[in-house]
Amino acid sequence: MATLKSNIQKAAWVAAVCVGLGTAAWPAAGADLASARQVKALCVLNFVKYVEWPADAFASTNEPVSIGVVGDGEMCRELQMAAAGKMIRGRTIRVQAAAPDGLNDKFHLLFFGAKENKILEEALGPIKTKSILTVGEGPQFLAEGGAIAFMVKASRIRFEIDLTAMERAHLQISSKALGLADAVHGKGPNL
């Protein structure tokens, strides 16, 4: 019973911190990586709520939002659990692993694990102008052309947005998400 109670408390904590998107607490020393992944997974789902894709990004009005995860199997499983049974904007959510050499426009959002930072230029290059929201980790991700990057600052998971990358991908992000970002870089039609 104690384990069930602690799991419920943990889930409530994760949900509460993701409501504010950019204010998730995460202990820096001895960080609980599962909790960090939960926070990031819920934030990724929130990003889907606050981004608008062009009409032609979806083949039909009932096509699922397709999320691909490159190089982080644990994050893929966490996103699958977070998305199970949920709908965003009337669409179901499909989450699957994605190979860095097979990225294409079948995905609406691609999450790149931190271990993939070494191949970002090669992986992001061919998809930069496609209507794909790219989410990753660390400042290098933004420097290589990613749209949203998670950062750890003052023991908290934060995120930064690059408007130039958003505009290049023909995506619109809401002012609410921009207001919650730790930093907004570049220029785009959102400003």
C-alpha atoms as a PDB file:
ATOM      1  CA  MET A   1       0.000   0.000   0.000  1.00  0.00           C
ATOM      2  CA  ALA A   2       2.887   2.352   0.781  1.00  0.00           C
ATOM      3  CA  THR A   3       4.288   1.809  -2.733  1.00  0.00           C
ATOM      4  CA  LEU A   4       0.929   2.579  -4.334  1.00  0.00           C
ATOM      5  CA  LYS A   5       0.615   5.743  -2.252  1.00  0.00           C
ATOM      6  CA  SER A   6       4.147   6.892  -3.162  1.00  0.00           C
ATOM      7  CA  ASN A   7       3.504   6.156  -6.853  1.00  0.00           C
ATOM      8  CA  ILE A   8       0.285   8.192  -6.730  1.00  0.00           C
ATOM      9  CA  GLN A   9       2.095  11.046  -4.987  1.00  0.00           C
ATOM     10  CA  LYS A  10       4.915  10.899  -7.544  1.00  0.00           C
ATOM     11  CA  ALA A  11       2.450  10.914 -10.444  1.00  0.00           C
ATOM     12  CA  ALA A  12       0.600  13.865  -8.910  1.00  0.00           C
ATOM     13  CA  TRP A  13       3.881  15.744  -8.488  1.00  0.00           C
ATOM     14  CA  VAL A  14       4.904  15.106 -12.090  1.00  0.00           C
ATOM     15  CA  ALA A  15       1.502  16.219 -13.375  1.00  0.00           C
ATOM     16  CA  ALA A  16       1.575  19.348 -11.225  1.00  0.00           C
ATOM     17  CA  VAL A  17       4.986  20.461 -12.410  1.00  0.00           C
ATOM     18  CA  CYS A  18       4.096  19.935 -16.043  1.00  0.00           C
ATOM     19  CA  VAL A  19       1.055  22.170 -15.836  1.00  0.00           C
ATOM     20  CA  GLY A  20       3.502  25.062 -15.708  1.00  0.00           C
ATOM     21  CA  LEU A  21       5.600  23.491 -18.507  1.00  0.00           C
ATOM     22  CA  GLY A  22       8.829  25.309 -17.779  1.00  0.00           C
ATOM     23  CA  THR A  23       9.032  25.061 -14.023  1.00  0.00           C
ATOM     24  CA  ALA A  24       9.632  21.408 -13.291  1.00  0.00           C
ATOM     25  CA  ALA A  25      11.761  20.725 -10.247  1.00  0.00           C
ATOM     26  CA  TRP A  26      14.385  18.054 -10.628  1.00  0.00           C
ATOM     27  CA  PRO A  27      16.996  17.277  -7.955  1.00  0.00           C
ATOM     28  CA  ALA A  28      20.449  17.866  -9.412  1.00  0.00           C
ATOM     29  CA  ALA A  29      22.456  15.536  -7.165  1.00  0.00           C
ATOM     30  CA  GLY A  30      21.487  11.881  -7.514  1.00  0.00           C
ATOM     31  CA  ALA A  31      18.742  12.858  -9.920  1.00  0.00           C
ATOM     32  CA  ASP A  32      15.875  10.442 -10.336  1.00  0.00           C
ATOM     33  CA  LEU A  33      16.130   9.898 -14.078  1.00  0.00           C
ATOM     34  CA  ALA A  34      12.710   8.259 -14.240  1.00  0.00           C
ATOM     35  CA  SER A  35      11.134  11.388 -12.750  1.00  0.00           C
ATOM     36  CA  ALA A  36      13.067  13.594 -15.168  1.00  0.00           C
ATOM     37  CA  ARG A  37      11.840  11.496 -18.101  1.00  0.00           C
ATOM     38  CA  GLN A  38       8.261  11.702 -16.800  1.00  0.00           C
ATOM     39  CA  VAL A  39       8.491  15.486 -16.610  1.00  0.00           C
ATOM     40  CA  LYS A  40       9.949  15.715 -20.111  1.00  0.00           C
ATOM     41  CA  ALA A  41       7.369  13.300 -21.536  1.00  0.00           C
ATOM     42  CA  LEU A  42       4.471  15.307 -20.124  1.00  0.00           C
ATOM     43  CA  CYS A  43       6.051  18.534 -21.346  1.00  0.00           C
ATOM     44  CA  VAL A  44       6.422  17.060 -24.850  1.00  0.00           C
ATOM     45  CA  LEU A  45       2.715  16.243 -24.863  1.00  0.00           C
ATOM     46  CA  ASN A  46       2.002  19.803 -23.737  1.00  0.00           C
ATOM     47  CA  PHE A  47       4.133  21.141 -26.592  1.00  0.00           C
ATOM     48  CA  VAL A  48       1.760  19.342 -28.991  1.00  0.00           C
ATOM     49  CA  LYS A  49      -1.118  21.290 -27.437  1.00  0.00           C
ATOM     50  CA  TYR A  50       0.606  24.630 -28.017  1.00  0.00           C
ATOM     51  CA  VAL A  51       1.932  24.143 -31.555  1.00  0.00           C
ATOM     52  CA  GLU A  52      -0.054  24.467 -34.763  1.00  0.00           C
ATOM     53  CA  TRP A  53       0.992  22.516 -37.825  1.00  0.00           C
ATOM     54  CA  PRO A  54       0.047  23.554 -41.365  1.00  0.00           C
ATOM     55  CA  ALA A  55      -3.144  21.875 -42.626  1.00  0.00           C
ATOM     56  CA  ASP A  56      -1.198  19.676 -45.058  1.00  0.00           C
ATOM     57  CA  ALA A  57       0.939  18.176 -42.266  1.00  0.00           C
ATOM     58  CA  PHE A  58      -1.886  15.706 -41.589  1.00  0.00           C
ATOM     59  CA  ALA A  59      -3.257  13.419 -44.297  1.00  0.00           C
ATOM     60  CA  SER A  60      -6.730  13.495 -42.743  1.00  0.00           C
ATOM     61  CA  THR A  61      -8.669  15.092 -39.903  1.00  0.00           C
ATOM     62  CA  ASN A  62      -8.395  11.919 -37.836  1.00  0.00           C
ATOM     63  CA  GLU A  63      -4.729  11.097 -38.488  1.00  0.00           C
ATOM     64  CA  PRO A  64      -2.905  10.605 -35.162  1.00  0.00           C
ATOM     65  CA  VAL A  65      -0.159  12.930 -33.997  1.00  0.00           C
ATOM     66  CA  SER A  66       2.939  10.877 -34.691  1.00  0.00           C
ATOM     67  CA  ILE A  67       5.841  11.262 -32.239  1.00  0.00           C
ATOM     68  CA  GLY A  68       9.186   9.659 -32.995  1.00  0.00           C
ATOM     69  CA  VAL A  69      11.932   9.207 -30.410  1.00  0.00           C
ATOM     70  CA  VAL A  70      15.522   9.022 -31.625  1.00  0.00           C
ATOM     71  CA  GLY A  71      18.085   7.277 -29.458  1.00  0.00           C
ATOM     72  CA  ASP A  72      16.358   7.062 -26.076  1.00  0.00           C
ATOM     73  CA  GLY A  73      14.392   3.872 -25.543  1.00  0.00           C
ATOM     74  CA  GLU A  74      13.461   4.800 -21.975  1.00  0.00           C
ATOM     75  CA  MET A  75      12.043   8.138 -23.124  1.00  0.00           C
ATOM     76  CA  CYS A  76      10.121   6.357 -25.876  1.00  0.00           C
ATOM     77  CA  ARG A  77       8.505   4.055 -23.305  1.00  0.00           C
ATOM     78  CA  GLU A  78       7.777   7.007 -21.006  1.00  0.00           C
ATOM     79  CA  LEU A  79       6.105   8.928 -23.828  1.00  0.00           C
ATOM     80  CA  GLN A  80       4.101   5.857 -24.819  1.00  0.00           C
ATOM     81  CA  MET A  81       2.813   5.525 -21.249  1.00  0.00           C
ATOM     82  CA  ALA A  82       2.066   9.255 -20.972  1.00  0.00           C
ATOM     83  CA  ALA A  83       0.196   9.272 -24.307  1.00  0.00           C
ATOM     84  CA  ALA A  84      -1.791   6.063 -23.762  1.00  0.00           C
ATOM     85  CA  GLY A  85      -5.500   6.732 -24.175  1.00  0.00           C
ATOM     86  CA  LYS A  86      -5.054  10.496 -24.548  1.00  0.00           C
ATOM     87  CA  MET A  87      -6.197  12.744 -27.336  1.00  0.00           C
ATOM     88  CA  ILE A  88      -4.861  16.178 -28.200  1.00  0.00           C
ATOM     89  CA  ARG A  89      -6.932  18.455 -30.418  1.00  0.00           C
ATOM     90  CA  GLY A  90      -9.181  15.515 -31.279  1.00  0.00           C
ATOM     91  CA  ARG A  91      -6.300  13.325 -32.403  1.00  0.00           C
ATOM     92  CA  THR A  92      -4.872  10.209 -30.808  1.00  0.00           C
ATOM     93  CA  ILE A  93      -1.124  10.113 -30.210  1.00  0.00           C
ATOM     94  CA  ARG A  94       1.200   7.503 -31.660  1.00  0.00           C
ATOM     95  CA  VAL A  95       4.714   7.202 -30.185  1.00  0.00           C
ATOM     96  CA  GLN A  96       7.432   5.021 -31.673  1.00  0.00           C
ATOM     97  CA  ALA A  97      11.189   4.697 -31.889  1.00  0.00           C
ATOM     98  CA  ALA A  98      12.763   6.406 -34.893  1.00  0.00           C
ATOM     99  CA  ALA A  99      16.108   5.618 -36.509  1.00  0.00           C
ATOM    100  CA  PRO A 100      18.307   8.676 -37.153  1.00  0.00           C
ATOM    101  CA  ASP A 101      18.855   7.629 -40.769  1.00  0.00           C
ATOM    102  CA  GLY A 102      15.147   7.091 -41.466  1.00  0.00           C
ATOM    103  CA  LEU A 103      13.667  10.418 -40.416  1.00  0.00           C
ATOM    104  CA  ASN A 104      10.978  11.754 -42.692  1.00  0.00           C
ATOM    105  CA  ASP A 105       7.729  13.628 -42.666  1.00  0.00           C
ATOM    106  CA  LYS A 106       5.718  10.699 -41.278  1.00  0.00           C
ATOM    107  CA  PHE A 107       6.447  12.241 -37.887  1.00  0.00           C
ATOM    108  CA  HIS A 108       4.889  15.438 -36.539  1.00  0.00           C
ATOM    109  CA  LEU A 109       7.283  15.632 -33.590  1.00  0.00           C
ATOM    110  CA  LEU A 110      10.737  14.136 -33.153  1.00  0.00           C
ATOM    111  CA  PHE A 111      12.435  13.895 -29.762  1.00  0.00           C
ATOM    112  CA  PHE A 112      16.210  13.469 -29.804  1.00  0.00           C
ATOM    113  CA  GLY A 113      17.845  11.940 -26.741  1.00  0.00           C
ATOM    114  CA  ALA A 114      20.988  13.639 -25.426  1.00  0.00           C
ATOM    115  CA  LYS A 115      23.150  10.774 -26.696  1.00  0.00           C
ATOM    116  CA  GLU A 116      22.176  11.747 -30.238  1.00  0.00           C
ATOM    117  CA  ASN A 117      23.817  15.194 -29.971  1.00  0.00           C
ATOM    118  CA  LYS A 118      26.840  13.830 -31.836  1.00  0.00           C
ATOM    119  CA  ILE A 119      24.778  13.236 -35.003  1.00  0.00           C
ATOM    120  CA  LEU A 120      22.458  16.259 -34.868  1.00  0.00           C
ATOM    121  CA  GLU A 121      23.799  18.096 -37.894  1.00  0.00           C
ATOM    122  CA  GLU A 122      23.414  14.977 -40.038  1.00  0.00           C
ATOM    123  CA  ALA A 123      20.004  14.023 -38.593  1.00  0.00           C
ATOM    124  CA  LEU A 124      18.397  17.476 -38.505  1.00  0.00           C
ATOM    125  CA  GLY A 125      19.710  18.699 -41.861  1.00  0.00           C
ATOM    126  CA  PRO A 126      17.249  16.862 -44.133  1.00  0.00           C
ATOM    127  CA  ILE A 127      14.182  17.609 -41.974  1.00  0.00           C
ATOM    128  CA  LYS A 128      14.753  21.259 -40.998  1.00  0.00           C
ATOM    129  CA  THR A 129      12.222  22.592 -43.507  1.00  0.00           C
ATOM    130  CA  LYS A 130       9.631  19.854 -42.990  1.00  0.00           C
ATOM    131  CA  SER A 131       6.674  20.499 -40.696  1.00  0.00           C
ATOM    132  CA  ILE A 132       8.199  18.541 -37.840  1.00  0.00           C
ATOM    133  CA  LEU A 133       8.538  19.890 -34.312  1.00  0.00           C
ATOM    134  CA  THR A 134      12.029  18.933 -33.142  1.00  0.00           C
ATOM    135  CA  VAL A 135      12.637  18.604 -29.403  1.00  0.00           C
ATOM    136  CA  GLY A 136      15.944  17.685 -27.788  1.00  0.00           C
ATOM    137  CA  GLU A 137      18.283  18.325 -24.917  1.00  0.00           C
ATOM    138  CA  GLY A 138      20.924  20.959 -24.276  1.00  0.00           C
ATOM    139  CA  PRO A 139      22.187  24.094 -26.015  1.00  0.00           C
ATOM    140  CA  GLN A 140      23.843  22.124 -28.809  1.00  0.00           C
ATOM    141  CA  PHE A 141      20.415  20.971 -29.950  1.00  0.00           C
ATOM    142  CA  LEU A 142      19.309  24.549 -30.590  1.00  0.00           C
ATOM    143  CA  ALA A 143      22.662  25.449 -32.154  1.00  0.00           C
ATOM    144  CA  GLU A 144      22.215  22.637 -34.698  1.00  0.00           C
ATOM    145  CA  GLY A 145      18.746  23.836 -35.685  1.00  0.00           C
ATOM    146  CA  GLY A 146      16.372  22.151 -33.222  1.00  0.00           C
ATOM    147  CA  ALA A 147      13.200  24.002 -32.219  1.00  0.00           C
ATOM    148  CA  ILE A 148      12.810  23.252 -28.483  1.00  0.00           C
ATOM    149  CA  ALA A 149      15.509  22.101 -26.082  1.00  0.00           C
ATOM    150  CA  PHE A 150      15.292  20.967 -22.487  1.00  0.00           C
ATOM    151  CA  MET A 151      17.920  22.454 -20.199  1.00  0.00           C
ATOM    152  CA  VAL A 152      18.733  21.849 -16.552  1.00  0.00           C
ATOM    153  CA  LYS A 153      19.179  25.148 -14.740  1.00  0.00           C
ATOM    154  CA  ALA A 154      19.286  25.661 -10.979  1.00  0.00           C
ATOM    155  CA  SER A 155      18.207  22.037 -10.464  1.00  0.00           C
ATOM    156  CA  ARG A 156      15.114  22.491 -12.613  1.00  0.00           C
ATOM    157  CA  ILE A 157      14.139  21.207 -16.002  1.00  0.00           C
ATOM    158  CA  ARG A 158      13.558  24.196 -18.253  1.00  0.00           C
ATOM    159  CA  PHE A 159      13.079  24.597 -21.956  1.00  0.00           C
ATOM    160  CA  GLU A 160      14.167  27.085 -24.593  1.00  0.00           C
ATOM    161  CA  ILE A 161      12.554  27.761 -27.954  1.00  0.00           C
ATOM    162  CA  ASP A 162      14.153  28.793 -31.232  1.00  0.00           C
ATOM    163  CA  LEU A 163      11.629  30.751 -33.315  1.00  0.00           C
ATOM    164  CA  THR A 164      13.797  30.615 -36.423  1.00  0.00           C
ATOM    165  CA  ALA A 165      13.624  26.809 -36.353  1.00  0.00           C
ATOM    166  CA  MET A 166       9.865  26.956 -35.746  1.00  0.00           C
ATOM    167  CA  GLU A 167       9.338  29.287 -38.707  1.00  0.00           C
ATOM    168  CA  ARG A 168      11.613  27.204 -40.952  1.00  0.00           C
ATOM    169  CA  ALA A 169       9.404  24.168 -40.130  1.00  0.00           C
ATOM    170  CA  HIS A 170       6.222  26.202 -40.824  1.00  0.00           C
ATOM    171  CA  LEU A 171       5.022  25.768 -37.234  1.00  0.00           C
ATOM    172  CA  GLN A 172       3.256  28.282 -35.011  1.00  0.00           C
ATOM    173  CA  ILE A 173       3.687  28.181 -31.237  1.00  0.00           C
ATOM    174  CA  SER A 174       1.309  29.878 -28.845  1.00  0.00           C
ATOM    175  CA  SER A 175       2.265  32.916 -26.839  1.00  0.00           C
ATOM    176  CA  LYS A 176       1.456  30.923 -23.693  1.00  0.00           C
ATOM    177  CA  ALA A 177       4.266  28.457 -24.440  1.00  0.00           C
ATOM    178  CA  LEU A 178       6.602  31.316 -25.339  1.00  0.00           C
ATOM    179  CA  GLY A 179       5.818  32.942 -22.004  1.00  0.00           C
ATOM    180  CA  LEU A 180       6.697  29.745 -20.127  1.00  0.00           C
ATOM    181  CA  ALA A 181      10.004  29.218 -21.930  1.00  0.00           C
ATOM    182  CA  ASP A 182      13.185  30.003 -20.046  1.00  0.00           C
ATOM    183  CA  ALA A 183      14.496  31.710 -23.188  1.00  0.00           C
ATOM    184  CA  VAL A 184      13.246  32.413 -26.699  1.00  0.00           C
ATOM    185  CA  HIS A 185      15.833  32.685 -29.471  1.00  0.00           C
ATOM    186  CA  GLY A 186      15.628  33.881 -33.061  1.00  0.00           C
ATOM    187  CA  LYS A 187      12.877  35.725 -34.786  1.00  0.00           C
ATOM    188  CA  GLY A 188       9.683  34.434 -36.203  1.00  0.00           C
ATOM    189  CA  PRO A 189       6.119  35.401 -36.968  1.00  0.00           C
ATOM    190  CA  ASN A 190       5.217  34.552 -33.346  1.00  0.00           C
ATOM    191  CA  LEU A 191       6.723  37.805 -32.063  1.00  0.00           C
END
